[in-house]
Structure formats: structure tokens, C-alpha cells
Amino acid sequence: MDLDVIIIGSGVIGAAMGFELSKAGFKTLNIDRNHDAGTGSTSASCAIIRVHYSTLDGSALAYEGYFDWKNWKDYLGVEDDHGIAKFVECGCLVMETKQNEFLKKHKSICSTLNIPFEEWDSRIIKKKLPLYNQESFAPAKRIDQDGFGEANGSSINSGVFFPTGGYVTDPQLSAHNLRSAAEAKGGVFKFNSEVVDVIKYNGKVSGVLLASNEVINAPIVINVAGPASFKINKMAGVEEEMNIKTRPLRQEV
């Protein structure tokens, strides 16, 4: 197989990479140890679409992506026998607290990028979301700690509403949609296949070795392995030089 790029992983990010690179004319192969696109950590995702990030670049990319989610079927350019995931644009309310510096940085970034947002005080929150509990439960506690789930006696009285926020109805389906779109552009997916080593030659990546002992060559290997990405970094011998390393993290959302 004559390849330009091997992509390890076919979650929503890996499948999107396969689609975009195939669309740009690259010969791509997505390899995944699971049985289909999006059946790893993507399938457990909250699938929240938001535009408020703590960096200008992050927010700009998220806002660009928002328009693709909003016009998902047009973005894909193909039908999917499994159906098409839907983006529910319900908006997103983020409370202002001392810990997040009352979202000062986020509001500044959104203003710079012309990302719409509304500042809601307690009165507006009660009017828009009458069932919303504005009591504060800080600081965060583990479920086995004393006081977990108990209010601290104070309240949170303001927030920022981002009308372009929302969620995708089925994250696994969205990854399958991207797989279908990538395949329509010539991208290839290989499932039930586990990468056990990243092959290097003359100091450069040259491909991967699978658990089946199959060797697949390509001059570019992209690691989008989700919770297992740190293992791929170790295989490639690049983890030590990374200032920011990856590891699996269980987090309440």
C-alpha cells in the first residue's frame, strides 16, 4: 500500500484528520484497535461544542469548527448509511467565579474574535433558567469526602451565555460520518488492528508494526490514539523531549 500518512486512531479527531488529509490529496490510512470509527473514548464523550477557551488560538479554531458542525451535512459532502449526527445549538451558560477570574480572559478573547456572548446576572439567569440552582458547592470534592454535594452557603450570581454552544447528539455517529467522508475521498480505515511499535529509519519515522506482525510504511505517522497516545509517544521515542506529556485521566464532567 503506497501511503503518505498513517493516522493511529479513528475517533472524532483521527477520523477528521483522515477526511481533511484525504480531501487535500494525501493517501491516508487510519489504524484503530477497535471495531469501527468512534468506538473508543469518543463514544463516551459528552460531545459538547463550545467556543470559549483560554487561548486566542483555541477559541479561533473552535469558532471555525462551530460553522462546520452547524452545517455538518454540507461539510461532509456525503451521505452515511448510519445516518447523520446532529448539532443541537442550545447555547452554553458558564458561571463567573473567582476561580475562573470571572471569565475576564474568555470575554476578551471572544470580543477580539467577534464571537457572540451575553452577560447574564442573577435576575436573567432565574428568568431564562428558572430551575437552575445558583448555590455554590466549591471547593471541588471527591465523592468519598465529607461535604461532597453540600452547598457552602454562598451563591454564584452571574455568568456568560455563549449562544453558539451546544452538543452533538451522537459522538460515535459523528466519527462514523467522518469515516464515510474520508473514504469517499480515498481514505482507508483498518480496524481491529493494534500498533505495537513505531518504526524508525535514519532518525525518521518510517511506519508502524502491528500486533499481527504486519509492517505498514509511510513517511508520516500521526498519533491520535486518545487515552493510549502516551504509549505511542513512548514507542516513537519522543516522550522525553515533550514539555507537555499525555496520560489517561478520569475526570467528572
C-alpha atoms as a PDB file:
ATOM      1  CA  MET A   1       0.000   0.000   0.000  1.00  0.00           C
ATOM      2  CA  ASP A   2       1.506   3.312  -1.112  1.00  0.00           C
ATOM      3  CA  LEU A   3       0.761   5.771   1.695  1.00  0.00           C
ATOM      4  CA  ASP A   4       1.553   9.368   2.560  1.00  0.00           C
ATOM      5  CA  VAL A   5       0.200   9.323   6.111  1.00  0.00           C
ATOM      6  CA  ILE A   6      -0.646   6.765   8.787  1.00  0.00           C
ATOM      7  CA  ILE A   7      -3.102   8.012  11.411  1.00  0.00           C
ATOM      8  CA  ILE A   8      -3.195   5.994  14.630  1.00  0.00           C
ATOM      9  CA  GLY A   9      -6.757   6.268  15.907  1.00  0.00           C
ATOM     10  CA  SER A  10     -10.137   6.846  14.317  1.00  0.00           C
ATOM     11  CA  GLY A  11     -12.057   8.730  16.951  1.00  0.00           C
ATOM     12  CA  VAL A  12     -13.650  12.020  16.023  1.00  0.00           C
ATOM     13  CA  ILE A  13     -10.250  13.746  15.756  1.00  0.00           C
ATOM     14  CA  GLY A  14      -8.470  10.920  13.959  1.00  0.00           C
ATOM     15  CA  ALA A  15     -11.329  10.418  11.510  1.00  0.00           C
ATOM     16  CA  ALA A  16     -11.460  14.170  10.881  1.00  0.00           C
ATOM     17  CA  MET A  17      -7.736  14.145  10.123  1.00  0.00           C
ATOM     18  CA  GLY A  18      -8.278  11.291   7.690  1.00  0.00           C
ATOM     19  CA  PHE A  19     -11.030  13.257   5.978  1.00  0.00           C
ATOM     20  CA  GLU A  20      -9.180  16.557   5.738  1.00  0.00           C
ATOM     21  CA  LEU A  21      -5.905  14.994   4.571  1.00  0.00           C
ATOM     22  CA  SER A  22      -7.654  12.771   2.017  1.00  0.00           C
ATOM     23  CA  LYS A  23      -9.583  15.794   0.798  1.00  0.00           C
ATOM     24  CA  ALA A  24      -6.256  17.584   0.345  1.00  0.00           C
ATOM     25  CA  GLY A  25      -4.938  14.750  -1.829  1.00  0.00           C
ATOM     26  CA  PHE A  26      -2.915  12.704   0.673  1.00  0.00           C
ATOM     27  CA  LYS A  27      -3.108   8.907   0.683  1.00  0.00           C
ATOM     28  CA  THR A  28      -4.147   8.112   4.244  1.00  0.00           C
ATOM     29  CA  LEU A  29      -4.647   5.056   6.414  1.00  0.00           C
ATOM     30  CA  ASN A  30      -6.385   5.219   9.796  1.00  0.00           C
ATOM     31  CA  ILE A  31      -5.466   2.303  12.073  1.00  0.00           C
ATOM     32  CA  ASP A  32      -7.610   1.541  15.121  1.00  0.00           C
ATOM     33  CA  ARG A  33      -7.637  -1.341  17.581  1.00  0.00           C
ATOM     34  CA  ASN A  34     -11.426  -1.028  17.941  1.00  0.00           C
ATOM     35  CA  HIS A  35     -14.021  -2.343  15.501  1.00  0.00           C
ATOM     36  CA  ASP A  36     -15.206   0.958  13.993  1.00  0.00           C
ATOM     37  CA  ALA A  37     -14.665   4.693  13.978  1.00  0.00           C
ATOM     38  CA  GLY A  38     -15.542   6.487  17.203  1.00  0.00           C
ATOM     39  CA  THR A  39     -15.942   3.352  19.336  1.00  0.00           C
ATOM     40  CA  GLY A  40     -13.132   4.248  21.740  1.00  0.00           C
ATOM     41  CA  SER A  41     -13.123   7.267  24.057  1.00  0.00           C
ATOM     42  CA  THR A  42     -15.132   9.295  21.517  1.00  0.00           C
ATOM     43  CA  SER A  43     -18.174   7.120  22.238  1.00  0.00           C
ATOM     44  CA  ALA A  44     -18.012   8.175  25.908  1.00  0.00           C
ATOM     45  CA  SER A  45     -17.670  11.867  25.076  1.00  0.00           C
ATOM     46  CA  CYS A  46     -20.165  14.491  26.242  1.00  0.00           C
ATOM     47  CA  ALA A  47     -19.836  15.825  22.678  1.00  0.00           C
ATOM     48  CA  ILE A  48     -20.066  19.421  23.866  1.00  0.00           C
ATOM     49  CA  ILE A  49     -19.441  22.084  21.235  1.00  0.00           C
ATOM     50  CA  ARG A  50     -18.090  25.281  22.774  1.00  0.00           C
ATOM     51  CA  VAL A  51     -16.160  28.319  21.630  1.00  0.00           C
ATOM     52  CA  HIS A  52     -14.870  29.661  24.962  1.00  0.00           C
ATOM     53  CA  TYR A  53     -11.262  28.652  25.515  1.00  0.00           C
ATOM     54  CA  SER A  54      -8.476  30.289  27.496  1.00  0.00           C
ATOM     55  CA  THR A  55      -6.303  30.949  24.430  1.00  0.00           C
ATOM     56  CA  LEU A  56      -6.930  33.019  21.327  1.00  0.00           C
ATOM     57  CA  ASP A  57      -5.861  30.204  19.009  1.00  0.00           C
ATOM     58  CA  GLY A  58      -8.048  27.643  20.769  1.00  0.00           C
ATOM     59  CA  SER A  59     -11.110  29.855  20.596  1.00  0.00           C
ATOM     60  CA  ALA A  60     -10.470  30.779  16.957  1.00  0.00           C
ATOM     61  CA  LEU A  61     -10.212  27.124  15.935  1.00  0.00           C
ATOM     62  CA  ALA A  62     -13.307  26.242  17.963  1.00  0.00           C
ATOM     63  CA  TYR A  63     -15.334  29.039  16.376  1.00  0.00           C
ATOM     64  CA  GLU A  64     -14.247  27.937  12.909  1.00  0.00           C
ATOM     65  CA  GLY A  65     -15.287  24.390  13.798  1.00  0.00           C
ATOM     66  CA  TYR A  66     -18.659  25.632  15.022  1.00  0.00           C
ATOM     67  CA  PHE A  67     -19.646  26.545  11.459  1.00  0.00           C
ATOM     68  CA  ASP A  68     -18.737  23.042  10.271  1.00  0.00           C
ATOM     69  CA  TRP A  69     -20.899  21.487  12.993  1.00  0.00           C
ATOM     70  CA  LYS A  70     -23.717  23.893  12.154  1.00  0.00           C
ATOM     71  CA  ASN A  71     -23.579  22.786   8.514  1.00  0.00           C
ATOM     72  CA  TRP A  72     -22.440  19.236   9.223  1.00  0.00           C
ATOM     73  CA  LYS A  73     -24.017  17.520   6.222  1.00  0.00           C
ATOM     74  CA  ASP A  74     -22.641  20.117   3.822  1.00  0.00           C
ATOM     75  CA  TYR A  75     -19.218  19.850   5.452  1.00  0.00           C
ATOM     76  CA  LEU A  76     -19.169  16.074   4.997  1.00  0.00           C
ATOM     77  CA  GLY A  77     -20.358  16.218   1.412  1.00  0.00           C
ATOM     78  CA  VAL A  78     -21.606  12.609   1.540  1.00  0.00           C
ATOM     79  CA  GLU A  79     -24.447  10.529   2.895  1.00  0.00           C
ATOM     80  CA  ASP A  80     -23.884   7.916   5.603  1.00  0.00           C
ATOM     81  CA  ASP A  81     -25.984   4.743   5.763  1.00  0.00           C
ATOM     82  CA  HIS A  82     -25.836   5.019   9.559  1.00  0.00           C
ATOM     83  CA  GLY A  83     -27.443   8.471   9.490  1.00  0.00           C
ATOM     84  CA  ILE A  84     -26.049  11.938  10.116  1.00  0.00           C
ATOM     85  CA  ALA A  85     -25.176  13.264  13.577  1.00  0.00           C
ATOM     86  CA  LYS A  86     -26.996  16.434  14.596  1.00  0.00           C
ATOM     87  CA  PHE A  87     -25.669  19.535  16.325  1.00  0.00           C
ATOM     88  CA  VAL A  88     -28.132  20.941  18.873  1.00  0.00           C
ATOM     89  CA  GLU A  89     -27.352  24.647  19.198  1.00  0.00           C
ATOM     90  CA  CYS A  90     -28.906  25.254  22.608  1.00  0.00           C
ATOM     91  CA  GLY A  91     -26.262  27.661  23.873  1.00  0.00           C
ATOM     92  CA  CYS A  92     -23.956  27.313  26.858  1.00  0.00           C
ATOM     93  CA  LEU A  93     -24.015  29.143  30.196  1.00  0.00           C
ATOM     94  CA  VAL A  94     -20.728  29.380  32.112  1.00  0.00           C
ATOM     95  CA  MET A  95     -20.832  30.790  35.626  1.00  0.00           C
ATOM     96  CA  GLU A  96     -18.427  33.538  36.660  1.00  0.00           C
ATOM     97  CA  THR A  97     -16.384  32.677  39.742  1.00  0.00           C
ATOM     98  CA  LYS A  98     -13.256  33.853  41.483  1.00  0.00           C
ATOM     99  CA  GLN A  99     -11.544  30.652  40.370  1.00  0.00           C
ATOM    100  CA  ASN A 100     -12.082  31.418  36.659  1.00  0.00           C
ATOM    101  CA  GLU A 101     -11.366  35.120  37.216  1.00  0.00           C
ATOM    102  CA  PHE A 102     -14.975  35.885  36.306  1.00  0.00           C
ATOM    103  CA  LEU A 103     -14.226  34.831  32.710  1.00  0.00           C
ATOM    104  CA  LYS A 104     -12.413  38.106  32.048  1.00  0.00           C
ATOM    105  CA  LYS A 105      -9.916  36.473  29.677  1.00  0.00           C
ATOM    106  CA  HIS A 106     -12.581  34.479  27.839  1.00  0.00           C
ATOM    107  CA  LYS A 107     -14.735  37.551  27.266  1.00  0.00           C
ATOM    108  CA  SER A 108     -11.736  39.494  25.970  1.00  0.00           C
ATOM    109  CA  ILE A 109     -10.836  36.731  23.514  1.00  0.00           C
ATOM    110  CA  CYS A 110     -14.419  36.408  22.294  1.00  0.00           C
ATOM    111  CA  SER A 111     -14.660  40.161  21.779  1.00  0.00           C
ATOM    112  CA  THR A 112     -11.448  40.097  19.736  1.00  0.00           C
ATOM    113  CA  LEU A 113     -12.784  37.271  17.545  1.00  0.00           C
ATOM    114  CA  ASN A 114     -16.347  38.646  17.312  1.00  0.00           C
ATOM    115  CA  ILE A 115     -17.696  35.516  18.983  1.00  0.00           C
ATOM    116  CA  PRO A 116     -21.151  36.363  20.362  1.00  0.00           C
ATOM    117  CA  PHE A 117     -21.767  36.181  24.093  1.00  0.00           C
ATOM    118  CA  GLU A 118     -24.208  37.624  26.615  1.00  0.00           C
ATOM    119  CA  GLU A 119     -23.537  38.617  30.217  1.00  0.00           C
ATOM    120  CA  TRP A 120     -26.284  37.319  32.486  1.00  0.00           C
ATOM    121  CA  ASP A 121     -26.861  38.489  36.053  1.00  0.00           C
ATOM    122  CA  SER A 122     -28.796  36.512  38.655  1.00  0.00           C
ATOM    123  CA  ARG A 123     -32.120  38.002  37.546  1.00  0.00           C
ATOM    124  CA  ILE A 124     -31.645  36.978  33.921  1.00  0.00           C
ATOM    125  CA  ILE A 125     -30.470  33.504  34.914  1.00  0.00           C
ATOM    126  CA  LYS A 126     -33.602  32.980  37.006  1.00  0.00           C
ATOM    127  CA  LYS A 127     -35.782  34.199  34.145  1.00  0.00           C
ATOM    128  CA  LYS A 128     -34.098  32.121  31.437  1.00  0.00           C
ATOM    129  CA  LEU A 129     -33.403  29.021  33.550  1.00  0.00           C
ATOM    130  CA  PRO A 130     -35.897  29.010  36.443  1.00  0.00           C
ATOM    131  CA  LEU A 131     -34.813  25.563  37.671  1.00  0.00           C
ATOM    132  CA  TYR A 132     -31.121  26.491  37.809  1.00  0.00           C
ATOM    133  CA  ASN A 133     -29.575  26.293  41.287  1.00  0.00           C
ATOM    134  CA  GLN A 134     -27.191  29.212  41.850  1.00  0.00           C
ATOM    135  CA  GLU A 135     -25.823  27.895  45.146  1.00  0.00           C
ATOM    136  CA  SER A 136     -22.062  27.393  45.326  1.00  0.00           C
ATOM    137  CA  PHE A 137     -20.674  23.946  46.112  1.00  0.00           C
ATOM    138  CA  ALA A 138     -16.994  24.902  45.999  1.00  0.00           C
ATOM    139  CA  PRO A 139     -14.363  23.706  46.550  1.00  0.00           C
ATOM    140  CA  ALA A 140     -14.479  20.559  44.439  1.00  0.00           C
ATOM    141  CA  LYS A 141     -14.567  17.362  46.492  1.00  0.00           C
ATOM    142  CA  ARG A 142     -14.288  13.689  45.711  1.00  0.00           C
ATOM    143  CA  ILE A 143     -17.425  11.626  46.182  1.00  0.00           C
ATOM    144  CA  ASP A 144     -15.879   9.915  49.229  1.00  0.00           C
ATOM    145  CA  GLN A 145     -15.010  13.189  51.011  1.00  0.00           C
ATOM    146  CA  ASP A 146     -17.056  14.767  53.783  1.00  0.00           C
ATOM    147  CA  GLY A 147     -19.261  17.566  52.491  1.00  0.00           C
ATOM    148  CA  PHE A 148     -19.475  16.236  48.951  1.00  0.00           C
ATOM    149  CA  GLY A 149     -22.593  17.628  47.288  1.00  0.00           C
ATOM    150  CA  GLU A 150     -23.246  20.142  50.079  1.00  0.00           C
ATOM    151  CA  ALA A 151     -23.675  23.857  49.376  1.00  0.00           C
ATOM    152  CA  ASN A 152     -21.223  26.195  51.097  1.00  0.00           C
ATOM    153  CA  GLY A 153     -23.749  28.924  51.901  1.00  0.00           C
ATOM    154  CA  SER A 154     -22.775  31.342  49.143  1.00  0.00           C
ATOM    155  CA  SER A 155     -24.202  31.809  45.666  1.00  0.00           C
ATOM    156  CA  ILE A 156     -22.908  32.430  42.159  1.00  0.00           C
ATOM    157  CA  ASN A 157     -24.706  35.446  40.799  1.00  0.00           C
ATOM    158  CA  SER A 158     -23.510  35.949  37.232  1.00  0.00           C
ATOM    159  CA  GLY A 159     -22.485  34.049  34.149  1.00  0.00           C
ATOM    160  CA  VAL A 160     -21.723  34.317  30.460  1.00  0.00           C
ATOM    161  CA  PHE A 161     -24.033  32.768  27.876  1.00  0.00           C
ATOM    162  CA  PHE A 162     -22.498  31.657  24.590  1.00  0.00           C
ATOM    163  CA  PRO A 163     -25.360  31.180  22.076  1.00  0.00           C
ATOM    164  CA  THR A 164     -23.164  29.217  19.651  1.00  0.00           C
ATOM    165  CA  GLY A 165     -22.571  26.442  22.189  1.00  0.00           C
ATOM    166  CA  GLY A 166     -24.381  23.138  22.194  1.00  0.00           C
ATOM    167  CA  TYR A 167     -23.840  19.421  21.769  1.00  0.00           C
ATOM    168  CA  VAL A 168     -23.739  16.675  19.149  1.00  0.00           C
ATOM    169  CA  THR A 169     -26.475  14.086  19.544  1.00  0.00           C
ATOM    170  CA  ASP A 170     -24.243  11.068  18.893  1.00  0.00           C
ATOM    171  CA  PRO A 171     -20.446  11.433  19.096  1.00  0.00           C
ATOM    172  CA  GLN A 172     -19.781   7.929  17.777  1.00  0.00           C
ATOM    173  CA  LEU A 173     -22.002   8.595  14.789  1.00  0.00           C
ATOM    174  CA  SER A 174     -20.178  11.847  14.067  1.00  0.00           C
ATOM    175  CA  ALA A 175     -16.909   9.903  13.846  1.00  0.00           C
ATOM    176  CA  HIS A 176     -18.542   7.378  11.524  1.00  0.00           C
ATOM    177  CA  ASN A 177     -19.773  10.271   9.387  1.00  0.00           C
ATOM    178  CA  LEU A 178     -16.187  11.478   9.110  1.00  0.00           C
ATOM    179  CA  ARG A 179     -15.039   7.974   8.218  1.00  0.00           C
ATOM    180  CA  SER A 180     -17.587   7.861   5.384  1.00  0.00           C
ATOM    181  CA  ALA A 181     -16.476  11.283   4.173  1.00  0.00           C
ATOM    182  CA  ALA A 182     -12.811  10.253   4.274  1.00  0.00           C
ATOM    183  CA  GLU A 183     -13.476   7.021   2.398  1.00  0.00           C
ATOM    184  CA  ALA A 184     -15.337   8.979  -0.277  1.00  0.00           C
ATOM    185  CA  LYS A 185     -12.095  10.918  -0.807  1.00  0.00           C
ATOM    186  CA  GLY A 186      -9.970   7.758  -0.971  1.00  0.00           C
ATOM    187  CA  GLY A 187      -9.031   7.410   2.695  1.00  0.00           C
ATOM    188  CA  VAL A 188      -8.654   3.869   4.058  1.00  0.00           C
ATOM    189  CA  PHE A 189      -9.501   2.551   7.542  1.00  0.00           C
ATOM    190  CA  LYS A 190      -8.054  -0.584   9.156  1.00  0.00           C
ATOM    191  CA  PHE A 191      -9.857  -1.786  12.307  1.00  0.00           C
ATOM    192  CA  ASN A 192      -9.195  -4.476  14.916  1.00  0.00           C
ATOM    193  CA  SER A 193      -5.507  -3.702  14.441  1.00  0.00           C
ATOM    194  CA  GLU A 194      -3.191  -2.641  17.253  1.00  0.00           C
ATOM    195  CA  VAL A 195       0.040  -0.707  16.751  1.00  0.00           C
ATOM    196  CA  VAL A 196       2.814  -2.223  18.885  1.00  0.00           C
ATOM    197  CA  ASP A 197       5.763  -0.206  17.608  1.00  0.00           C
ATOM    198  CA  VAL A 198       6.633   2.874  15.599  1.00  0.00           C
ATOM    199  CA  ILE A 199       9.350   2.052  13.084  1.00  0.00           C
ATOM    200  CA  LYS A 200      12.202   4.498  12.538  1.00  0.00           C
ATOM    201  CA  TYR A 201      14.947   4.637   9.922  1.00  0.00           C
ATOM    202  CA  ASN A 202      17.884   7.062   9.912  1.00  0.00           C
ATOM    203  CA  GLY A 203      16.304   9.031  12.734  1.00  0.00           C
ATOM    204  CA  LYS A 204      12.961   9.426  10.989  1.00  0.00           C
ATOM    205  CA  VAL A 205       9.625   7.691  11.328  1.00  0.00           C
ATOM    206  CA  SER A 206       9.076   5.213   8.524  1.00  0.00           C
ATOM    207  CA  GLY A 207       5.946   3.317   9.556  1.00  0.00           C
ATOM    208  CA  VAL A 208       4.346   1.109  12.194  1.00  0.00           C
ATOM    209  CA  LEU A 209       4.381  -2.506  13.318  1.00  0.00           C
ATOM    210  CA  LEU A 210       1.057  -4.165  14.131  1.00  0.00           C
ATOM    211  CA  ALA A 211       0.376  -6.895  16.685  1.00  0.00           C
ATOM    212  CA  SER A 212      -0.171  -9.226  13.722  1.00  0.00           C
ATOM    213  CA  ASN A 213       3.496  -8.592  12.742  1.00  0.00           C
ATOM    214  CA  GLU A 214       2.358  -6.666   9.678  1.00  0.00           C
ATOM    215  CA  VAL A 215       4.587  -3.719   8.824  1.00  0.00           C
ATOM    216  CA  ILE A 216       2.989  -0.686   7.178  1.00  0.00           C
ATOM    217  CA  ASN A 217       5.227   2.054   5.817  1.00  0.00           C
ATOM    218  CA  ALA A 218       4.590   5.781   5.487  1.00  0.00           C
ATOM    219  CA  PRO A 219       6.810   8.862   5.885  1.00  0.00           C
ATOM    220  CA  ILE A 220       4.346  10.491   8.285  1.00  0.00           C
ATOM    221  CA  VAL A 221       2.703   8.912  11.342  1.00  0.00           C
ATOM    222  CA  ILE A 222       0.143  10.922  13.326  1.00  0.00           C
ATOM    223  CA  ASN A 223      -0.687   9.881  16.886  1.00  0.00           C
ATOM    224  CA  VAL A 224      -4.378  10.382  17.653  1.00  0.00           C
ATOM    225  CA  ALA A 225      -4.715   7.385  19.962  1.00  0.00           C
ATOM    226  CA  GLY A 226      -6.650   9.149  22.723  1.00  0.00           C
ATOM    227  CA  PRO A 227      -6.005   7.658  26.180  1.00  0.00           C
ATOM    228  CA  ALA A 228      -3.358   5.374  24.656  1.00  0.00           C
ATOM    229  CA  SER A 229      -1.476   8.230  22.981  1.00  0.00           C
ATOM    230  CA  PHE A 230       1.257   8.241  25.642  1.00  0.00           C
ATOM    231  CA  LYS A 231       2.113   4.648  24.682  1.00  0.00           C
ATOM    232  CA  ILE A 232       2.530   5.650  21.050  1.00  0.00           C
ATOM    233  CA  ASN A 233       4.765   8.562  22.084  1.00  0.00           C
ATOM    234  CA  LYS A 234       6.964   6.130  24.006  1.00  0.00           C
ATOM    235  CA  MET A 235       7.126   3.778  21.012  1.00  0.00           C
ATOM    236  CA  ALA A 236       8.241   6.695  18.854  1.00  0.00           C
ATOM    237  CA  GLY A 237      10.859   7.715  21.433  1.00  0.00           C
ATOM    238  CA  VAL A 238       9.624  11.289  21.631  1.00  0.00           C
ATOM    239  CA  GLU A 239       8.047  11.447  25.083  1.00  0.00           C
ATOM    240  CA  GLU A 240      11.170  12.559  26.949  1.00  0.00           C
ATOM    241  CA  GLU A 241      11.573  15.689  24.838  1.00  0.00           C
ATOM    242  CA  MET A 242       7.958  16.751  25.338  1.00  0.00           C
ATOM    243  CA  ASN A 243       7.290  19.587  27.778  1.00  0.00           C
ATOM    244  CA  ILE A 244       3.628  18.563  27.867  1.00  0.00           C
ATOM    245  CA  LYS A 245       3.028  14.837  28.145  1.00  0.00           C
ATOM    246  CA  THR A 246      -0.223  12.897  27.796  1.00  0.00           C
ATOM    247  CA  ARG A 247      -1.722  10.321  30.142  1.00  0.00           C
ATOM    248  CA  PRO A 248      -5.170   8.803  30.701  1.00  0.00           C
ATOM    249  CA  LEU A 249      -7.202  10.888  33.142  1.00  0.00           C
ATOM    250  CA  ARG A 250     -10.539  10.039  34.662  1.00  0.00           C
ATOM    251  CA  GLN A 251     -12.494  13.237  35.191  1.00  0.00           C
ATOM    252  CA  GLU A 252     -16.022  14.086  36.265  1.00  0.00           C
ATOM    253  CA  VAL A 253     -17.868  16.135  33.637  1.00  0.00           C
END
